[in-house]
Amino acid sequence: ASENKVQYSGFAKDRFTISLDSGKNAMYLQMHGLTPE
């Protein structure tokens, strides 16, 4: 968070997004196109 740097594993790079709301002390994982895997 200090440098607003995010990295993803390969499977997550195009479908998942990590974000932080520091005011709420909450980190989120937004996922799209979910599959059974």
Full PDB file with SEQRES, HELIX, SHEET, SSBOND, CRYST1, ORIGX, SCALE, CONECT and MASTER records, all heavy atoms in Angstrom:
SEQRES   1 A   37  ALA SER GLU ASN LYS VAL GLN TYR SER GLY PHE ALA LYS          
SEQRES   2 A   37  ASP ARG PHE THR ILE SER LEU ASP SER GLY LYS ASN ALA          
SEQRES   3 A   37  MET TYR LEU GLN MET HIS GLY LEU THR PRO GLU                  
HELIX    1 AA1 GLY A   10  ALA A   12  5                                   3    
HELIX    2 AA2 SER A   22  LYS A   24  5                                   3    
SHEET    1 AA1 2 PHE A  16  ASP A  21  0                                        
SHEET    2 AA1 2 ALA A  26  MET A  31 -1                                        
CRYST1    1.000    1.000    1.000  90.00  90.00  90.00 P 1           1          
ORIGX1      1.000000  0.000000  0.000000        0.00000                         
ORIGX2      0.000000  1.000000  0.000000        0.00000                         
ORIGX3      0.000000  0.000000  1.000000        0.00000                         
SCALE1      1.000000  0.000000  0.000000        0.00000                         
SCALE2      0.000000  1.000000  0.000000        0.00000                         
SCALE3      0.000000  0.000000  1.000000        0.00000                         
ATOM      1  N   ALA A   1       0.799  -1.211   0.000  1.00  0.00           N  
ATOM      2  CA  ALA A   1       0.000   0.000   0.000  1.00  0.00           C  
ATOM      3  C   ALA A   1       0.838   1.270   0.000  1.00  0.00           C  
ATOM      4  O   ALA A   1       0.435   2.274  -0.594  1.00  0.00           O  
ATOM      5  CB  ALA A   1      -0.945   0.000   1.199  1.00  0.00           C  
ATOM      6  N   SER A   2       1.996   1.244   0.645  1.00  0.00           N  
ATOM      7  CA  SER A   2       2.815   2.448   0.763  1.00  0.00           C  
ATOM      8  C   SER A   2       3.241   2.992  -0.592  1.00  0.00           C  
ATOM      9  O   SER A   2       3.430   4.194  -0.745  1.00  0.00           O  
ATOM     10  CB  SER A   2       4.045   2.172   1.621  1.00  0.00           C  
ATOM     11  OG  SER A   2       3.681   1.845   2.949  1.00  0.00           O  
ATOM     12  N   GLU A   3       3.402   2.104  -1.563  1.00  0.00           N  
ATOM     13  CA  GLU A   3       3.805   2.515  -2.902  1.00  0.00           C  
ATOM     14  C   GLU A   3       2.741   2.203  -3.940  1.00  0.00           C  
ATOM     15  O   GLU A   3       3.002   2.314  -5.141  1.00  0.00           O  
ATOM     16  CB  GLU A   3       5.131   1.861  -3.284  1.00  0.00           C  
ATOM     17  CG  GLU A   3       6.281   2.290  -2.386  1.00  0.00           C  
ATOM     18  CD  GLU A   3       7.619   1.769  -2.858  1.00  0.00           C  
ATOM     19  OE1 GLU A   3       7.662   1.028  -3.862  1.00  0.00           O  
ATOM     20  OE2 GLU A   3       8.633   2.118  -2.229  1.00  0.00           O  
ATOM     21  N   ASN A   4       1.566   1.813  -3.487  1.00  0.00           N  
ATOM     22  CA  ASN A   4       0.457   1.486  -4.384  1.00  0.00           C  
ATOM     23  C   ASN A   4       0.882   0.475  -5.443  1.00  0.00           C  
ATOM     24  O   ASN A   4       0.573   0.626  -6.632  1.00  0.00           O  
ATOM     25  CB  ASN A   4      -0.089   2.753  -5.039  1.00  0.00           C  
ATOM     26  CG  ASN A   4      -1.429   2.532  -5.699  1.00  0.00           C  
ATOM     27  OD1 ASN A   4      -2.225   1.707  -5.245  1.00  0.00           O  
ATOM     28  ND2 ASN A   4      -1.695   3.276  -6.769  1.00  0.00           N  
ATOM     29  N   LYS A   5       1.595  -0.548  -4.996  1.00  0.00           N  
ATOM     30  CA  LYS A   5       2.084  -1.577  -5.902  1.00  0.00           C  
ATOM     31  C   LYS A   5       1.281  -2.855  -5.722  1.00  0.00           C  
ATOM     32  O   LYS A   5       1.116  -3.345  -4.608  1.00  0.00           O  
ATOM     33  CB  LYS A   5       3.564  -1.858  -5.646  1.00  0.00           C  
ATOM     34  CG  LYS A   5       4.489  -0.721  -6.031  1.00  0.00           C  
ATOM     35  CD  LYS A   5       5.942  -1.094  -5.811  1.00  0.00           C  
ATOM     36  CE  LYS A   5       6.875   0.035  -6.223  1.00  0.00           C  
ATOM     37  NZ  LYS A   5       6.813   0.293  -7.685  1.00  0.00           N  
ATOM     38  N   VAL A   6       0.820  -3.392  -6.821  1.00  0.00           N  
ATOM     39  CA  VAL A   6       0.065  -4.629  -6.843  1.00  0.00           C  
ATOM     40  C   VAL A   6       0.729  -5.582  -7.824  1.00  0.00           C  
ATOM     41  O   VAL A   6       1.180  -5.171  -8.897  1.00  0.00           O  
ATOM     42  CB  VAL A   6      -1.398  -4.390  -7.246  1.00  0.00           C  
ATOM     43  CG1 VAL A   6      -2.178  -5.698  -7.255  1.00  0.00           C  
ATOM     44  CG2 VAL A   6      -2.061  -3.386  -6.306  1.00  0.00           C  
ATOM     45  N   GLN A   7       0.814  -6.846  -7.461  1.00  0.00           N  
ATOM     46  CA  GLN A   7       1.272  -7.866  -8.380  1.00  0.00           C  
ATOM     47  C   GLN A   7       0.316  -9.043  -8.317  1.00  0.00           C  
ATOM     48  O   GLN A   7      -0.305  -9.310  -7.287  1.00  0.00           O  
ATOM     49  CB  GLN A   7       2.698  -8.308  -8.070  1.00  0.00           C  
ATOM     50  CG  GLN A   7       2.889  -8.961  -6.715  1.00  0.00           C  
ATOM     51  CD  GLN A   7       4.306  -9.455  -6.501  1.00  0.00           C  
ATOM     52  OE1 GLN A   7       5.070  -9.633  -7.447  1.00  0.00           O  
ATOM     53  NE2 GLN A   7       4.661  -9.684  -5.245  1.00  0.00           N  
ATOM     54  N   TYR A   8       0.211  -9.747  -9.430  1.00  0.00           N  
ATOM     55  CA  TYR A   8      -0.712 -10.856  -9.549  1.00  0.00           C  
ATOM     56  C   TYR A   8      -0.002 -12.104 -10.036  1.00  0.00           C  
ATOM     57  O   TYR A   8       0.959 -12.039 -10.817  1.00  0.00           O  
ATOM     58  CB  TYR A   8      -1.825 -10.537 -10.543  1.00  0.00           C  
ATOM     59  CG  TYR A   8      -2.669  -9.345 -10.173  1.00  0.00           C  
ATOM     60  CD1 TYR A   8      -2.409  -8.092 -10.709  1.00  0.00           C  
ATOM     61  CD2 TYR A   8      -3.738  -9.480  -9.288  1.00  0.00           C  
ATOM     62  CE1 TYR A   8      -3.184  -7.000 -10.370  1.00  0.00           C  
ATOM     63  CE2 TYR A   8      -4.513  -8.391  -8.950  1.00  0.00           C  
ATOM     64  CZ  TYR A   8      -4.238  -7.154  -9.490  1.00  0.00           C  
ATOM     65  OH  TYR A   8      -5.014  -6.067  -9.157  1.00  0.00           O  
ATOM     66  N   SER A   9      -0.482 -13.241  -9.585  1.00  0.00           N  
ATOM     67  CA  SER A   9      -0.103 -14.485 -10.205  1.00  0.00           C  
ATOM     68  C   SER A   9      -0.715 -14.538 -11.597  1.00  0.00           C  
ATOM     69  O   SER A   9      -1.686 -13.842 -11.903  1.00  0.00           O  
ATOM     70  CB  SER A   9      -0.575 -15.673  -9.375  1.00  0.00           C  
ATOM     71  OG  SER A   9       0.095 -15.719  -8.134  1.00  0.00           O  
ATOM     72  N   GLY A  10      -0.138 -15.386 -12.452  1.00  0.00           N  
ATOM     73  CA  GLY A  10      -0.549 -15.423 -13.839  1.00  0.00           C  
ATOM     74  C   GLY A  10      -2.029 -15.665 -14.050  1.00  0.00           C  
ATOM     75  O   GLY A  10      -2.656 -15.010 -14.886  1.00  0.00           O  
ATOM     76  N   PHE A  11      -2.600 -16.583 -13.289  1.00  0.00           N  
ATOM     77  CA  PHE A  11      -4.001 -16.914 -13.501  1.00  0.00           C  
ATOM     78  C   PHE A  11      -4.932 -15.775 -13.134  1.00  0.00           C  
ATOM     79  O   PHE A  11      -6.070 -15.727 -13.586  1.00  0.00           O  
ATOM     80  CB  PHE A  11      -4.378 -18.170 -12.701  1.00  0.00           C  
ATOM     81  CG  PHE A  11      -4.437 -17.968 -11.218  1.00  0.00           C  
ATOM     82  CD1 PHE A  11      -5.581 -17.488 -10.611  1.00  0.00           C  
ATOM     83  CD2 PHE A  11      -3.338 -18.253 -10.422  1.00  0.00           C  
ATOM     84  CE1 PHE A  11      -5.644 -17.296  -9.241  1.00  0.00           C  
ATOM     85  CE2 PHE A  11      -3.390 -18.072  -9.048  1.00  0.00           C  
ATOM     86  CZ  PHE A  11      -4.540 -17.586  -8.460  1.00  0.00           C  
ATOM     87  N   ALA A  12      -4.450 -14.855 -12.294  1.00  0.00           N  
ATOM     88  CA  ALA A  12      -5.297 -13.780 -11.798  1.00  0.00           C  
ATOM     89  C   ALA A  12      -5.117 -12.471 -12.548  1.00  0.00           C  
ATOM     90  O   ALA A  12      -5.917 -11.544 -12.374  1.00  0.00           O  
ATOM     91  CB  ALA A  12      -5.016 -13.552 -10.312  1.00  0.00           C  
ATOM     92  N   LYS A  13      -4.124 -12.377 -13.388  1.00  0.00           N  
ATOM     93  CA  LYS A  13      -3.703 -11.099 -13.946  1.00  0.00           C  
ATOM     94  C   LYS A  13      -4.806 -10.362 -14.699  1.00  0.00           C  
ATOM     95  O   LYS A  13      -4.946  -9.140 -14.558  1.00  0.00           O  
ATOM     96  CB  LYS A  13      -2.498 -11.314 -14.868  1.00  0.00           C  
ATOM     97  CG  LYS A  13      -1.920 -10.035 -15.432  1.00  0.00           C  
ATOM     98  CD  LYS A  13      -0.623 -10.303 -16.175  1.00  0.00           C  
ATOM     99  CE  LYS A  13      -0.846 -11.207 -17.365  1.00  0.00           C  
ATOM    100  NZ  LYS A  13       0.419 -11.413 -18.128  1.00  0.00           N  
ATOM    101  N   ASP A  14      -5.597 -11.057 -15.468  1.00  0.00           N  
ATOM    102  CA  ASP A  14      -6.580 -10.408 -16.328  1.00  0.00           C  
ATOM    103  C   ASP A  14      -8.002 -10.445 -15.780  1.00  0.00           C  
ATOM    104  O   ASP A  14      -8.882  -9.753 -16.314  1.00  0.00           O  
ATOM    105  CB  ASP A  14      -6.576 -11.042 -17.715  1.00  0.00           C  
ATOM    106  CG  ASP A  14      -5.261 -10.844 -18.436  1.00  0.00           C  
ATOM    107  OD1 ASP A  14      -4.677  -9.748 -18.324  1.00  0.00           O  
ATOM    108  OD2 ASP A  14      -4.812 -11.785 -19.120  1.00  0.00           O  
ATOM    109  N   ARG A  15      -8.241 -11.210 -14.732  1.00  0.00           N  
ATOM    110  CA  ARG A  15      -9.599 -11.369 -14.227  1.00  0.00           C  
ATOM    111  C   ARG A  15      -9.804 -10.862 -12.812  1.00  0.00           C  
ATOM    112  O   ARG A  15     -10.935 -10.594 -12.422  1.00  0.00           O  
ATOM    113  CB  ARG A  15     -10.014 -12.845 -14.278  1.00  0.00           C  
ATOM    114  CG  ARG A  15     -10.112 -13.417 -15.670  1.00  0.00           C  
ATOM    115  CD  ARG A  15     -10.755 -14.800 -15.640  1.00  0.00           C  
ATOM    116  NE  ARG A  15      -9.937 -15.756 -14.888  1.00  0.00           N  
ATOM    117  CZ  ARG A  15     -10.323 -16.369 -13.774  1.00  0.00           C  
ATOM    118  NH1 ARG A  15     -11.534 -16.135 -13.263  1.00  0.00           N  
ATOM    119  NH2 ARG A  15      -9.522 -17.230 -13.179  1.00  0.00           N  
ATOM    120  N   PHE A  16      -8.733 -10.758 -12.045  1.00  0.00           N  
ATOM    121  CA  PHE A  16      -8.836 -10.373 -10.637  1.00  0.00           C  
ATOM    122  C   PHE A  16      -8.182  -9.018 -10.413  1.00  0.00           C  
ATOM    123  O   PHE A  16      -7.186  -8.686 -11.051  1.00  0.00           O  
ATOM    124  CB  PHE A  16      -8.141 -11.401  -9.736  1.00  0.00           C  
ATOM    125  CG  PHE A  16      -8.780 -12.763  -9.701  1.00  0.00           C  
ATOM    126  CD1 PHE A  16      -9.832 -13.102 -10.528  1.00  0.00           C  
ATOM    127  CD2 PHE A  16      -8.299 -13.719  -8.815  1.00  0.00           C  
ATOM    128  CE1 PHE A  16     -10.409 -14.358 -10.484  1.00  0.00           C  
ATOM    129  CE2 PHE A  16      -8.868 -14.984  -8.761  1.00  0.00           C  
ATOM    130  CZ  PHE A  16      -9.922 -15.302  -9.598  1.00  0.00           C  
ATOM    131  N   THR A  17      -8.732  -8.255  -9.484  1.00  0.00           N  
ATOM    132  CA  THR A  17      -8.185  -6.956  -9.129  1.00  0.00           C  
ATOM    133  C   THR A  17      -8.129  -6.812  -7.621  1.00  0.00           C  
ATOM    134  O   THR A  17      -9.133  -7.024  -6.939  1.00  0.00           O  
ATOM    135  CB  THR A  17      -9.033  -5.811  -9.716  1.00  0.00           C  
ATOM    136  OG1 THR A  17      -9.094  -5.924 -11.136  1.00  0.00           O  
ATOM    137  CG2 THR A  17      -8.416  -4.464  -9.353  1.00  0.00           C  
ATOM    138  N   ILE A  18      -6.958  -6.460  -7.118  1.00  0.00           N  
ATOM    139  CA  ILE A  18      -6.773  -6.204  -5.696  1.00  0.00           C  
ATOM    140  C   ILE A  18      -6.745  -4.697  -5.466  1.00  0.00           C  
ATOM    141  O   ILE A  18      -6.072  -3.965  -6.192  1.00  0.00           O  
ATOM    142  CB  ILE A  18      -5.473  -6.843  -5.182  1.00  0.00           C  
ATOM    143  CG1 ILE A  18      -5.571  -8.371  -5.273  1.00  0.00           C  
ATOM    144  CG2 ILE A  18      -5.169  -6.406  -3.751  1.00  0.00           C  
ATOM    145  CD1 ILE A  18      -4.264  -9.082  -4.974  1.00  0.00           C  
ATOM    146  N   SER A  19      -7.463  -4.253  -4.465  1.00  0.00           N  
ATOM    147  CA  SER A  19      -7.487  -2.836  -4.132  1.00  0.00           C  
ATOM    148  C   SER A  19      -7.578  -2.663  -2.629  1.00  0.00           C  
ATOM    149  O   SER A  19      -7.878  -3.611  -1.893  1.00  0.00           O  
ATOM    150  CB  SER A  19      -8.655  -2.126  -4.823  1.00  0.00           C  
ATOM    151  OG  SER A  19      -9.898  -2.667  -4.405  1.00  0.00           O  
ATOM    152  N   LEU A  20      -7.316  -1.446  -2.176  1.00  0.00           N  
ATOM    153  CA  LEU A  20      -7.303  -1.142  -0.752  1.00  0.00           C  
ATOM    154  C   LEU A  20      -8.101   0.116  -0.485  1.00  0.00           C  
ATOM    155  O   LEU A  20      -7.951   1.119  -1.195  1.00  0.00           O  
ATOM    156  CB  LEU A  20      -5.865  -0.960  -0.259  1.00  0.00           C  
ATOM    157  CG  LEU A  20      -5.679  -0.643   1.227  1.00  0.00           C  
ATOM    158  CD1 LEU A  20      -6.012  -1.869   2.066  1.00  0.00           C  
ATOM    159  CD2 LEU A  20      -4.258  -0.173   1.491  1.00  0.00           C  
ATOM    160  N   ASP A  21      -8.935   0.072   0.505  1.00  0.00           N  
ATOM    161  CA  ASP A  21      -9.601   1.249   1.040  1.00  0.00           C  
ATOM    162  C   ASP A  21      -9.019   1.483   2.419  1.00  0.00           C  
ATOM    163  O   ASP A  21      -9.452   0.881   3.400  1.00  0.00           O  
ATOM    164  CB  ASP A  21     -11.111   1.036   1.099  1.00  0.00           C  
ATOM    165  CG  ASP A  21     -11.861   2.298   1.487  1.00  0.00           C  
ATOM    166  OD1 ASP A  21     -11.281   3.175   2.149  1.00  0.00           O  
ATOM    167  OD2 ASP A  21     -13.049   2.417   1.122  1.00  0.00           O  
ATOM    168  N   SER A  22      -8.013   2.353   2.495  1.00  0.00           N  
ATOM    169  CA  SER A  22      -7.324   2.564   3.761  1.00  0.00           C  
ATOM    170  C   SER A  22      -8.240   3.176   4.817  1.00  0.00           C  
ATOM    171  O   SER A  22      -8.069   2.911   6.010  1.00  0.00           O  
ATOM    172  CB  SER A  22      -6.092   3.449   3.554  1.00  0.00           C  
ATOM    173  OG  SER A  22      -6.452   4.702   2.998  1.00  0.00           O  
ATOM    174  N   GLY A  23      -9.195   3.979   4.397  1.00  0.00           N  
ATOM    175  CA  GLY A  23     -10.122   4.574   5.337  1.00  0.00           C  
ATOM    176  C   GLY A  23     -10.994   3.551   6.040  1.00  0.00           C  
ATOM    177  O   GLY A  23     -11.411   3.756   7.177  1.00  0.00           O  
ATOM    178  N   LYS A  24     -11.264   2.462   5.365  1.00  0.00           N  
ATOM    179  CA  LYS A  24     -12.069   1.388   5.935  1.00  0.00           C  
ATOM    180  C   LYS A  24     -11.216   0.219   6.425  1.00  0.00           C  
ATOM    181  O   LYS A  24     -11.770  -0.770   6.909  1.00  0.00           O  
ATOM    182  CB  LYS A  24     -13.081   0.881   4.911  1.00  0.00           C  
ATOM    183  CG  LYS A  24     -14.118   1.909   4.511  1.00  0.00           C  
ATOM    184  CD  LYS A  24     -15.123   1.322   3.540  1.00  0.00           C  
ATOM    185  CE  LYS A  24     -16.193   2.333   3.175  1.00  0.00           C  
ATOM    186  NZ  LYS A  24     -17.179   1.775   2.223  1.00  0.00           N  
ATOM    187  N   ASN A  25      -9.901   0.338   6.302  1.00  0.00           N  
ATOM    188  CA  ASN A  25      -8.989  -0.749   6.676  1.00  0.00           C  
ATOM    189  C   ASN A  25      -9.420  -2.059   6.025  1.00  0.00           C  
ATOM    190  O   ASN A  25      -9.505  -3.101   6.684  1.00  0.00           O  
ATOM    191  CB  ASN A  25      -8.917  -0.899   8.190  1.00  0.00           C  
ATOM    192  CG  ASN A  25      -8.266   0.282   8.863  1.00  0.00           C  
ATOM    193  OD1 ASN A  25      -7.303   0.846   8.350  1.00  0.00           O  
ATOM    194  ND2 ASN A  25      -8.776   0.660  10.022  1.00  0.00           N  
ATOM    195  N   ALA A  26      -9.680  -1.990   4.749  1.00  0.00           N  
ATOM    196  CA  ALA A  26     -10.178  -3.154   4.035  1.00  0.00           C  
ATOM    197  C   ALA A  26      -9.450  -3.325   2.711  1.00  0.00           C  
ATOM    198  O   ALA A  26      -9.237  -2.359   1.969  1.00  0.00           O  
ATOM    199  CB  ALA A  26     -11.675  -3.041   3.795  1.00  0.00           C  
ATOM    200  N   MET A  27      -9.071  -4.553   2.427  1.00  0.00           N  
ATOM    201  CA  MET A  27      -8.520  -4.923   1.141  1.00  0.00           C  
ATOM    202  C   MET A  27      -9.552  -5.770   0.413  1.00  0.00           C  
ATOM    203  O   MET A  27     -10.215  -6.609   1.018  1.00  0.00           O  
ATOM    204  CB  MET A  27      -7.226  -5.721   1.315  1.00  0.00           C  
ATOM    205  CG  MET A  27      -6.616  -6.195   0.002  1.00  0.00           C  
ATOM    206  SD  MET A  27      -5.039  -7.086   0.203  1.00  0.00           S  
ATOM    207  CE  MET A  27      -5.562  -8.517   1.144  1.00  0.00           C  
ATOM    208  N   TYR A  28      -9.648  -5.561  -0.895  1.00  0.00           N  
ATOM    209  CA  TYR A  28     -10.657  -6.242  -1.680  1.00  0.00           C  
ATOM    210  C   TYR A  28     -10.023  -7.092  -2.766  1.00  0.00           C  
ATOM    211  O   TYR A  28      -8.950  -6.794  -3.271  1.00  0.00           O  
ATOM    212  CB  TYR A  28     -11.604  -5.240  -2.333  1.00  0.00           C  
ATOM    213  CG  TYR A  28     -12.276  -4.318  -1.352  1.00  0.00           C  
ATOM    214  CD1 TYR A  28     -11.852  -3.002  -1.208  1.00  0.00           C  
ATOM    215  CD2 TYR A  28     -13.328  -4.760  -0.557  1.00  0.00           C  
ATOM    216  CE1 TYR A  28     -12.464  -2.151  -0.306  1.00  0.00           C  
ATOM    217  CE2 TYR A  28     -13.939  -3.921   0.348  1.00  0.00           C  
ATOM    218  CZ  TYR A  28     -13.512  -2.617   0.473  1.00  0.00           C  
ATOM    219  OH  TYR A  28     -14.122  -1.772   1.374  1.00  0.00           O  
ATOM    220  N   LEU A  29     -10.719  -8.129  -3.116  1.00  0.00           N  
ATOM    221  CA  LEU A  29     -10.370  -8.941  -4.265  1.00  0.00           C  
ATOM    222  C   LEU A  29     -11.600  -9.012  -5.155  1.00  0.00           C  
ATOM    223  O   LEU A  29     -12.574  -9.701  -4.832  1.00  0.00           O  
ATOM    224  CB  LEU A  29      -9.930 -10.345  -3.846  1.00  0.00           C  
ATOM    225  CG  LEU A  29      -9.596 -11.300  -4.995  1.00  0.00           C  
ATOM    226  CD1 LEU A  29      -8.400 -10.781  -5.798  1.00  0.00           C  
ATOM    227  CD2 LEU A  29      -9.320 -12.704  -4.464  1.00  0.00           C  
ATOM    228  N   GLN A  30     -11.560  -8.272  -6.260  1.00  0.00           N  
ATOM    229  CA  GLN A  30     -12.649  -8.277  -7.221  1.00  0.00           C  
ATOM    230  C   GLN A  30     -12.350  -9.327  -8.281  1.00  0.00           C  
ATOM    231  O   GLN A  30     -11.293  -9.293  -8.908  1.00  0.00           O  
ATOM    232  CB  GLN A  30     -12.806  -6.904  -7.867  1.00  0.00           C  
ATOM    233  CG  GLN A  30     -13.936  -6.816  -8.878  1.00  0.00           C  
ATOM    234  CD  GLN A  30     -15.294  -6.924  -8.235  1.00  0.00           C  
ATOM    235  OE1 GLN A  30     -15.617  -6.156  -7.324  1.00  0.00           O  
ATOM    236  NE2 GLN A  30     -16.100  -7.878  -8.679  1.00  0.00           N  
ATOM    237  N   MET A  31     -13.276 -10.236  -8.475  1.00  0.00           N  
ATOM    238  CA  MET A  31     -13.088 -11.342  -9.390  1.00  0.00           C  
ATOM    239  C   MET A  31     -14.164 -11.320 -10.464  1.00  0.00           C  
ATOM    240  O   MET A  31     -15.340 -11.084 -10.171  1.00  0.00           O  
ATOM    241  CB  MET A  31     -13.127 -12.676  -8.636  1.00  0.00           C  
ATOM    242  CG  MET A  31     -12.086 -12.778  -7.537  1.00  0.00           C  
ATOM    243  SD  MET A  31     -12.209 -14.327  -6.595  1.00  0.00           S  
ATOM    244  CE  MET A  31     -13.710 -14.008  -5.676  1.00  0.00           C  
ATOM    245  N   HIS A  32     -13.760 -11.569 -11.698  1.00  0.00           N  
ATOM    246  CA  HIS A  32     -14.668 -11.618 -12.830  1.00  0.00           C  
ATOM    247  C   HIS A  32     -14.477 -12.926 -13.570  1.00  0.00           C  
ATOM    248  O   HIS A  32     -13.406 -13.519 -13.557  1.00  0.00           O  
ATOM    249  CB  HIS A  32     -14.429 -10.446 -13.783  1.00  0.00           C  
ATOM    250  CG  HIS A  32     -14.646  -9.103 -13.175  1.00  0.00           C  
ATOM    251  ND1 HIS A  32     -15.898  -8.599 -12.916  1.00  0.00           N  
ATOM    252  CD2 HIS A  32     -13.757  -8.155 -12.774  1.00  0.00           C  
ATOM    253  CE1 HIS A  32     -15.788  -7.401 -12.377  1.00  0.00           C  
ATOM    254  NE2 HIS A  32     -14.503  -7.105 -12.282  1.00  0.00           N  
ATOM    255  N   GLY A  33     -15.520 -13.335 -14.255  1.00  0.00           N  
ATOM    256  CA  GLY A  33     -15.443 -14.519 -15.087  1.00  0.00           C  
ATOM    257  C   GLY A  33     -15.056 -15.769 -14.322  1.00  0.00           C  
ATOM    258  O   GLY A  33     -14.211 -16.544 -14.776  1.00  0.00           O  
ATOM    259  N   LEU A  34     -15.676 -15.982 -13.188  1.00  0.00           N  
ATOM    260  CA  LEU A  34     -15.316 -17.109 -12.332  1.00  0.00           C  
ATOM    261  C   LEU A  34     -15.619 -18.442 -13.001  1.00  0.00           C  
ATOM    262  O   LEU A  34     -16.612 -18.582 -13.719  1.00  0.00           O  
ATOM    263  CB  LEU A  34     -16.050 -17.015 -11.007  1.00  0.00           C  
ATOM    264  CG  LEU A  34     -15.593 -15.870 -10.093  1.00  0.00           C  
ATOM    265  CD1 LEU A  34     -16.551 -15.701  -8.930  1.00  0.00           C  
ATOM    266  CD2 LEU A  34     -14.172 -16.127  -9.592  1.00  0.00           C  
ATOM    267  N   THR A  35     -14.749 -19.388 -12.767  1.00  0.00           N  
ATOM    268  CA  THR A  35     -14.882 -20.740 -13.280  1.00  0.00           C  
ATOM    269  C   THR A  35     -14.751 -21.727 -12.130  1.00  0.00           C  
ATOM    270  O   THR A  35     -14.303 -21.369 -11.046  1.00  0.00           O  
ATOM    271  CB  THR A  35     -13.805 -21.047 -14.332  1.00  0.00           C  
ATOM    272  OG1 THR A  35     -12.531 -21.182 -13.694  1.00  0.00           O  
ATOM    273  CG2 THR A  35     -13.726 -19.931 -15.367  1.00  0.00           C  
ATOM    274  N   PRO A  36     -15.135 -22.986 -12.343  1.00  0.00           N  
ATOM    275  CA  PRO A  36     -14.971 -23.969 -11.273  1.00  0.00           C  
ATOM    276  C   PRO A  36     -13.538 -24.092 -10.768  1.00  0.00           C  
ATOM    277  O   PRO A  36     -13.332 -24.449  -9.609  1.00  0.00           O  
ATOM    278  CB  PRO A  36     -15.444 -25.272 -11.933  1.00  0.00           C  
ATOM    279  CG  PRO A  36     -16.465 -24.818 -12.917  1.00  0.00           C  
ATOM    280  CD  PRO A  36     -15.924 -23.531 -13.461  1.00  0.00           C  
ATOM    281  N   GLU A  37     -12.563 -23.783 -11.617  1.00  0.00           N  
ATOM    282  CA  GLU A  37     -11.168 -23.840 -11.194  1.00  0.00           C  
ATOM    283  C   GLU A  37     -10.836 -22.784 -10.144  1.00  0.00           C  
ATOM    284  O   GLU A  37      -9.801 -22.886  -9.475  1.00  0.00           O  
ATOM    285  CB  GLU A  37     -10.243 -23.680 -12.398  1.00  0.00           C  
ATOM    286  CG  GLU A  37     -10.209 -24.883 -13.346  1.00  0.00           C  
ATOM    287  CD  GLU A  37     -11.504 -25.053 -14.128  1.00  0.00           C  
ATOM    288  OE1 GLU A  37     -12.139 -24.025 -14.476  1.00  0.00           O  
ATOM    289  OE2 GLU A  37     -11.884 -26.203 -14.409  1.00  0.00           O  
TER     290      GLU A  37                                                      
MASTER        0    0    0    2    2    0    0    6  289    1    0    3          
END                                                                             
